[in-house]
């Protein structure tokens, strides 16, 4: 499964790049051992009149193999393919480890972390922010330290688990999805949970009466947040430049924001739009 979070470093201190699609794929899975299947440079994509995109088959609001709703990443992929003048084709994945066995040209979401594993990235096109979720009737919380007498629910593989565990917070880490965390908070099984904001917004869109709320007063570790780029496999400079141009246009004309709004999600643009290939900030 993919999850919208930054993953724990596990055996090494370096942070893995992951939104696991609840946003982004782990780069260790993308560039791991074994030769990847061949993706294509821009001229071959245009000649073939198709853009191959890797997405998860059951990961709403971001992707779904069902006809409706399709998901944010499928809508983004279709919009990019249309601006390229080609057809969007999708490869459905269960987990990130299968990416290198495919012919995918594009991965819709890869956490853009300085110094992380190498892959050709586009400019960032969105920001992902983690929030503290409480039961609706929970007393106001001003600081995270107030929850040291309870339990905070986090994903087992998340960066939040790594940071909060090191700080001595009592955690529940049995959860494999953000929905499981939100269920535990709603039922009073956990005192609070940390999830990406889109996961909370999608839950409330599906169940407006859920006894949940976000406490924005609590300042979480800024390391729980990250910017998101698209990952391009075996891409040449022309491919990166053209996708960057399209993403820039879509951010400027509001296309990305409108796609997010279809799913009840508040689009948060990246703080700085920089070209990962050059490090130059876009104006």
Protein backbone atom coordinates (compact mmCIF):
# COMPACT_ATOMS: atom_id res chain seq x y z
CA UNK A 1 0.00 0.00 0.00
CA UNK A 2 0.94 3.65 -0.43
CA UNK A 3 0.43 6.19 2.30
CA UNK A 4 0.46 9.95 2.42
CA UNK A 5 3.36 10.55 4.76
CA UNK A 6 7.10 10.76 5.10
CA UNK A 7 8.38 7.32 5.96
CA UNK A 8 10.60 6.36 8.84
CA UNK A 9 14.28 5.91 7.93
CA UNK A 10 14.13 2.34 9.32
CA UNK A 11 17.73 1.07 9.45
CA UNK A 12 19.42 4.24 8.25
CA UNK A 13 19.23 7.82 9.49
CA UNK A 14 18.64 9.22 6.02
CA UNK A 15 14.96 9.93 5.32
CA UNK A 16 13.38 7.95 2.53
CA UNK A 17 11.41 9.85 -0.04
CA UNK A 18 7.80 8.76 0.22
CA UNK A 19 4.33 10.04 0.18
CA UNK A 20 3.42 6.68 -0.38
CA UNK A 21 0.63 7.90 -2.50
CA UNK A 22 -1.68 8.42 0.05
CA UNK A 23 0.85 10.41 -1.91
CA UNK A 24 4.42 9.39 -2.73
CA UNK A 25 6.51 6.43 -3.65
CA UNK A 26 9.59 5.38 -1.74
CA UNK A 27 12.61 6.13 -3.87
CA UNK A 28 14.37 3.08 -2.49
CA UNK A 29 11.68 1.11 -4.29
CA UNK A 30 12.02 3.16 -7.46
CA UNK A 31 15.78 2.95 -7.82
CA UNK A 32 16.47 -0.32 -6.02
CA UNK A 33 18.36 -3.31 -7.32
CA UNK A 34 17.40 -4.72 -10.68
CA UNK A 35 17.26 -3.04 -14.05
CA UNK A 36 14.06 -1.06 -14.60
CA UNK A 37 11.90 -1.57 -17.64
CA UNK A 38 12.49 1.09 -20.25
CA UNK A 39 10.72 4.42 -19.89
CA UNK A 40 11.10 6.91 -22.76
CA UNK A 41 12.51 10.34 -23.57
CA UNK A 42 10.15 13.06 -24.78
CA UNK A 43 10.47 12.45 -28.52
CA UNK A 44 9.51 8.78 -28.07
CA UNK A 45 6.53 9.72 -25.88
CA UNK A 46 5.32 12.14 -28.57
CA UNK A 47 5.93 9.65 -31.38
CA UNK A 48 4.00 6.93 -29.51
CA UNK A 49 1.26 9.45 -28.67
CA UNK A 50 1.00 8.07 -25.15
CA UNK A 51 2.22 8.90 -21.63
CA UNK A 52 2.48 5.89 -19.31
CA UNK A 53 1.64 6.74 -15.68
CA UNK A 54 2.02 4.52 -12.59
CA UNK A 55 -0.82 4.81 -10.06
CA UNK A 56 -2.25 2.73 -7.24
CA UNK A 57 -5.47 0.91 -8.04
CA UNK A 58 -7.32 1.62 -4.78
CA UNK A 59 -6.12 4.84 -3.21
CA UNK A 60 -8.84 7.49 -3.29
CA UNK A 61 -8.91 10.45 -3.35
CA UNK A 62 -5.73 10.12 -5.42
CA UNK A 63 -6.35 7.15 -7.69
CA UNK A 64 -8.85 4.40 -8.35
CA UNK A 65 -9.28 1.74 -11.01
CA UNK A 66 -13.03 2.33 -10.84
CA UNK A 67 -14.61 4.59 -13.45
CA UNK A 68 -15.85 7.18 -10.93
CA UNK A 69 -14.37 8.90 -9.08
CA UNK A 70 -11.03 8.53 -10.82
CA UNK A 71 -8.86 10.46 -8.38
CA UNK A 72 -6.56 13.48 -8.31
CA UNK A 73 -3.56 11.74 -9.89
CA UNK A 74 -5.55 10.35 -12.81
CA UNK A 75 -7.05 13.77 -13.49
CA UNK A 76 -3.61 15.38 -13.27
CA UNK A 77 -2.13 12.75 -15.58
CA UNK A 78 -4.93 13.20 -18.12
CA UNK A 79 -4.46 16.99 -18.07
CA UNK A 80 -0.69 16.70 -18.62
CA UNK A 81 -1.15 14.16 -21.43
CA UNK A 82 -3.70 16.44 -23.11
CA UNK A 83 -1.27 19.36 -23.03
CA UNK A 84 1.42 17.11 -24.51
CA UNK A 85 -1.00 16.07 -27.23
CA UNK A 86 -0.87 12.38 -26.28
CA UNK A 87 -3.08 9.80 -24.59
CA UNK A 88 -2.72 9.02 -20.87
CA UNK A 89 -2.26 5.31 -20.15
CA UNK A 90 -2.16 3.91 -16.63
CA UNK A 91 -0.33 1.02 -15.01
CA UNK A 92 -2.09 -0.08 -11.81
CA UNK A 93 0.20 -0.94 -8.92
CA UNK A 94 -0.31 -2.53 -5.53
CA UNK A 95 3.01 -1.34 -4.09
CA UNK A 96 5.98 0.82 -5.06
CA UNK A 97 8.29 -2.17 -5.48
CA UNK A 98 6.61 -2.99 -8.80
CA UNK A 99 7.42 0.37 -10.42
CA UNK A 100 10.81 -0.70 -11.77
CA UNK A 101 9.17 -3.65 -13.54
CA UNK A 102 6.93 -1.40 -15.60
CA UNK A 103 7.25 0.91 -18.61
CA UNK A 104 5.91 3.91 -16.68
CA UNK A 105 7.16 7.31 -17.77
CA UNK A 106 5.74 9.26 -14.83
CA UNK A 107 5.00 8.78 -11.13
CA UNK A 108 2.50 11.46 -10.03
CA UNK A 109 3.82 12.07 -6.51
CA UNK A 110 7.34 11.85 -5.09
CA UNK A 111 8.31 13.70 -1.93
CA UNK A 112 10.86 16.36 -2.82
CA UNK A 113 13.47 16.03 -0.05
CA UNK A 114 16.91 17.66 -0.41
CA UNK A 115 19.73 15.13 -0.60
CA UNK A 116 17.45 12.12 -0.98
CA UNK A 117 17.79 9.21 -3.42
CA UNK A 118 18.39 10.19 -7.05
CA UNK A 119 15.55 10.31 -9.56
CA UNK A 120 14.68 12.98 -12.11
CA UNK A 121 12.10 15.21 -10.50
CA UNK A 122 9.87 17.92 -11.85
CA UNK A 123 9.40 21.20 -10.07
CA UNK A 124 7.27 20.84 -6.92
CA UNK A 125 3.57 21.28 -7.68
CA UNK A 126 1.97 20.89 -4.25
CA UNK A 127 2.71 20.96 -0.53
CA UNK A 128 1.61 18.28 1.93
CA UNK A 129 0.99 19.30 5.53
CA UNK A 130 0.37 16.97 8.47
CA UNK A 131 -2.24 17.87 11.08
CA UNK A 132 -3.24 16.77 14.57
CA UNK A 133 -6.71 15.19 14.55
CA UNK A 134 -8.78 14.94 17.74
CA UNK A 135 -12.23 13.67 18.61
CA UNK A 136 -14.74 16.49 18.22
CA UNK A 137 -15.46 16.57 21.98
CA UNK A 138 -11.78 16.45 23.02
CA UNK A 139 -10.68 19.47 25.12
CA UNK A 140 -8.58 22.04 23.24
CA UNK A 141 -4.89 21.25 22.99
CA UNK A 142 -2.32 24.03 22.91
CA UNK A 143 0.86 21.97 22.79
CA UNK A 144 1.64 18.40 21.79
CA UNK A 145 3.21 17.82 25.20
CA UNK A 146 -0.30 17.84 26.68
CA UNK A 147 -0.85 14.44 25.03
CA UNK A 148 2.04 12.68 26.79
CA UNK A 149 -0.44 11.01 29.16
CA UNK A 150 -2.43 9.48 26.29
CA UNK A 151 -1.65 7.82 22.99
CA UNK A 152 -1.03 9.42 19.59
CA UNK A 153 -1.85 7.28 16.57
CA UNK A 154 0.66 7.36 13.70
CA UNK A 155 1.40 5.18 10.71
CA UNK A 156 3.83 2.40 11.48
CA UNK A 157 6.22 3.46 8.70
CA UNK A 158 5.90 7.23 9.08
CA UNK A 159 8.50 9.89 9.80
CA UNK A 160 6.18 11.08 12.59
CA UNK A 161 6.69 7.76 14.37
CA UNK A 162 10.46 8.16 14.16
CA UNK A 163 10.48 11.74 15.49
CA UNK A 164 7.84 11.34 18.22
CA UNK A 165 9.22 8.03 19.44
CA UNK A 166 12.66 9.63 19.83
CA UNK A 167 11.00 12.44 21.83
CA UNK A 168 9.40 9.93 24.20
CA UNK A 169 5.75 10.36 23.20
CA UNK A 170 3.42 7.39 23.83
CA UNK A 171 2.45 6.13 20.38
CA UNK A 172 0.13 3.60 18.84
CA UNK A 173 1.75 2.37 15.65
CA UNK A 174 -0.37 -0.59 14.59
CA UNK A 175 -2.02 1.43 11.84
CA UNK A 176 -1.36 0.77 8.17
CA UNK A 177 -3.64 3.44 6.69
CA UNK A 178 -4.69 6.98 7.55
CA UNK A 179 -8.32 5.84 7.65
CA UNK A 180 -7.43 3.38 10.43
CA UNK A 181 -5.93 6.25 12.43
CA UNK A 182 -9.04 8.39 11.92
CA UNK A 183 -11.27 5.47 12.95
CA UNK A 184 -9.28 5.01 16.17
CA UNK A 185 -9.56 8.71 17.05
CA UNK A 186 -13.29 8.83 16.23
CA UNK A 187 -13.96 5.80 18.45
CA UNK A 188 -11.91 7.16 21.34
CA UNK A 189 -9.35 4.36 21.04
CA UNK A 190 -6.57 6.90 20.48
CA UNK A 191 -6.34 10.34 22.08
CA UNK A 192 -5.14 11.93 18.86
CA UNK A 193 -3.78 11.07 15.45
CA UNK A 194 -1.36 12.62 12.98
CA UNK A 195 -2.36 12.39 9.34
CA UNK A 196 -1.82 14.43 6.17
CA UNK A 197 -4.46 17.13 5.74
CA UNK A 198 -5.83 15.61 2.49
CA UNK A 199 -6.55 12.33 4.32
CA UNK A 200 -8.66 14.19 6.90
CA UNK A 201 -10.44 16.27 4.25
CA UNK A 202 -11.30 13.19 2.18
CA UNK A 203 -12.69 11.43 5.25
CA UNK A 204 -14.91 14.40 6.11
CA UNK A 205 -16.12 14.63 2.51
CA UNK A 206 -17.27 11.00 2.71
CA UNK A 207 -18.61 11.29 6.26
CA UNK A 208 -19.41 14.87 7.19
CA UNK A 209 -20.79 13.72 10.54
CA UNK A 210 -17.61 12.01 11.68
CA UNK A 211 -16.79 13.15 15.25
CA UNK A 212 -13.40 14.52 14.27
CA UNK A 213 -11.69 17.89 14.16
CA UNK A 214 -8.27 19.31 13.36
CA UNK A 215 -6.49 21.34 16.02
CA UNK A 216 -4.50 23.92 14.08
CA UNK A 217 -3.19 25.54 17.29
CA UNK A 218 -0.76 22.68 17.83
CA UNK A 219 2.49 23.18 15.94
CA UNK A 220 3.83 19.88 14.66
CA UNK A 221 7.42 19.19 13.68
CA UNK A 222 7.92 20.93 10.30
CA UNK A 223 9.72 17.78 9.15
CA UNK A 224 6.31 16.09 8.88
CA UNK A 225 5.57 18.37 5.91
CA UNK A 226 7.07 18.23 2.45
CA UNK A 227 6.70 19.39 -1.13
CA UNK A 228 5.65 17.03 -3.89
CA UNK A 229 7.08 16.65 -7.37
CA UNK A 230 6.42 14.18 -10.15
CA UNK A 231 9.03 11.52 -10.74
CA UNK A 232 10.24 10.90 -14.30
CA UNK A 233 11.85 7.57 -15.08
CA UNK A 234 14.69 7.38 -17.61
CA UNK A 235 13.71 10.88 -18.75
CA UNK A 236 15.88 13.22 -20.80
CA UNK A 237 16.25 16.95 -20.15
CA UNK A 238 13.59 17.76 -22.75
CA UNK A 239 11.02 15.63 -20.90
CA UNK A 240 11.76 17.31 -17.57
CA UNK A 241 11.61 20.78 -19.14
CA UNK A 242 8.30 20.14 -20.90
CA UNK A 243 6.56 18.63 -17.86
CA UNK A 244 7.89 21.50 -15.74
CA UNK A 245 6.42 23.97 -18.22
CA UNK A 246 3.03 22.24 -18.09
CA UNK A 247 2.98 22.07 -14.29
CA UNK A 248 3.89 25.75 -14.08
CA UNK A 249 1.03 26.63 -16.42
CA UNK A 250 -1.42 24.47 -14.48
CA UNK A 251 -0.46 26.07 -11.17
CA UNK A 252 -0.74 29.54 -12.66
CA UNK A 253 -4.11 29.06 -14.38
CA UNK A 254 -5.68 27.27 -11.40
CA UNK A 255 -6.06 23.88 -13.12
CA UNK A 256 -4.43 21.92 -10.28
CA UNK A 257 -6.48 23.72 -7.64
CA UNK A 258 -9.69 22.90 -9.55
CA UNK A 259 -8.75 19.22 -9.77
CA UNK A 260 -8.22 19.06 -6.01
CA UNK A 261 -11.52 20.86 -5.41
CA UNK A 262 -13.41 18.11 -7.28
CA UNK A 263 -12.51 15.79 -4.41
CA UNK A 264 -13.15 18.23 -1.58
CA UNK A 265 -9.44 18.85 -1.03
CA UNK A 266 -7.83 22.21 -0.34
CA UNK A 267 -4.90 22.60 -2.71
CA UNK A 268 -1.76 23.94 -1.04
CA UNK A 269 0.84 25.17 -3.56
CA UNK A 270 4.55 24.64 -2.93
CA UNK A 271 6.29 27.34 -0.93
CA UNK A 272 9.09 27.59 -3.48
CA UNK A 273 8.87 26.31 -7.03
CA UNK A 274 12.41 25.26 -7.88
CA UNK A 275 13.83 23.09 -10.62
CA UNK A 276 15.35 20.06 -8.83
CA UNK A 277 17.70 19.57 -11.79
CA UNK A 278 19.28 23.00 -11.43
CA UNK A 279 18.22 24.23 -7.99
CA UNK A 280 17.06 27.48 -9.57
CA UNK A 281 13.90 28.97 -8.07
CA UNK A 282 11.14 29.87 -10.48
CA UNK A 283 9.66 33.32 -10.28
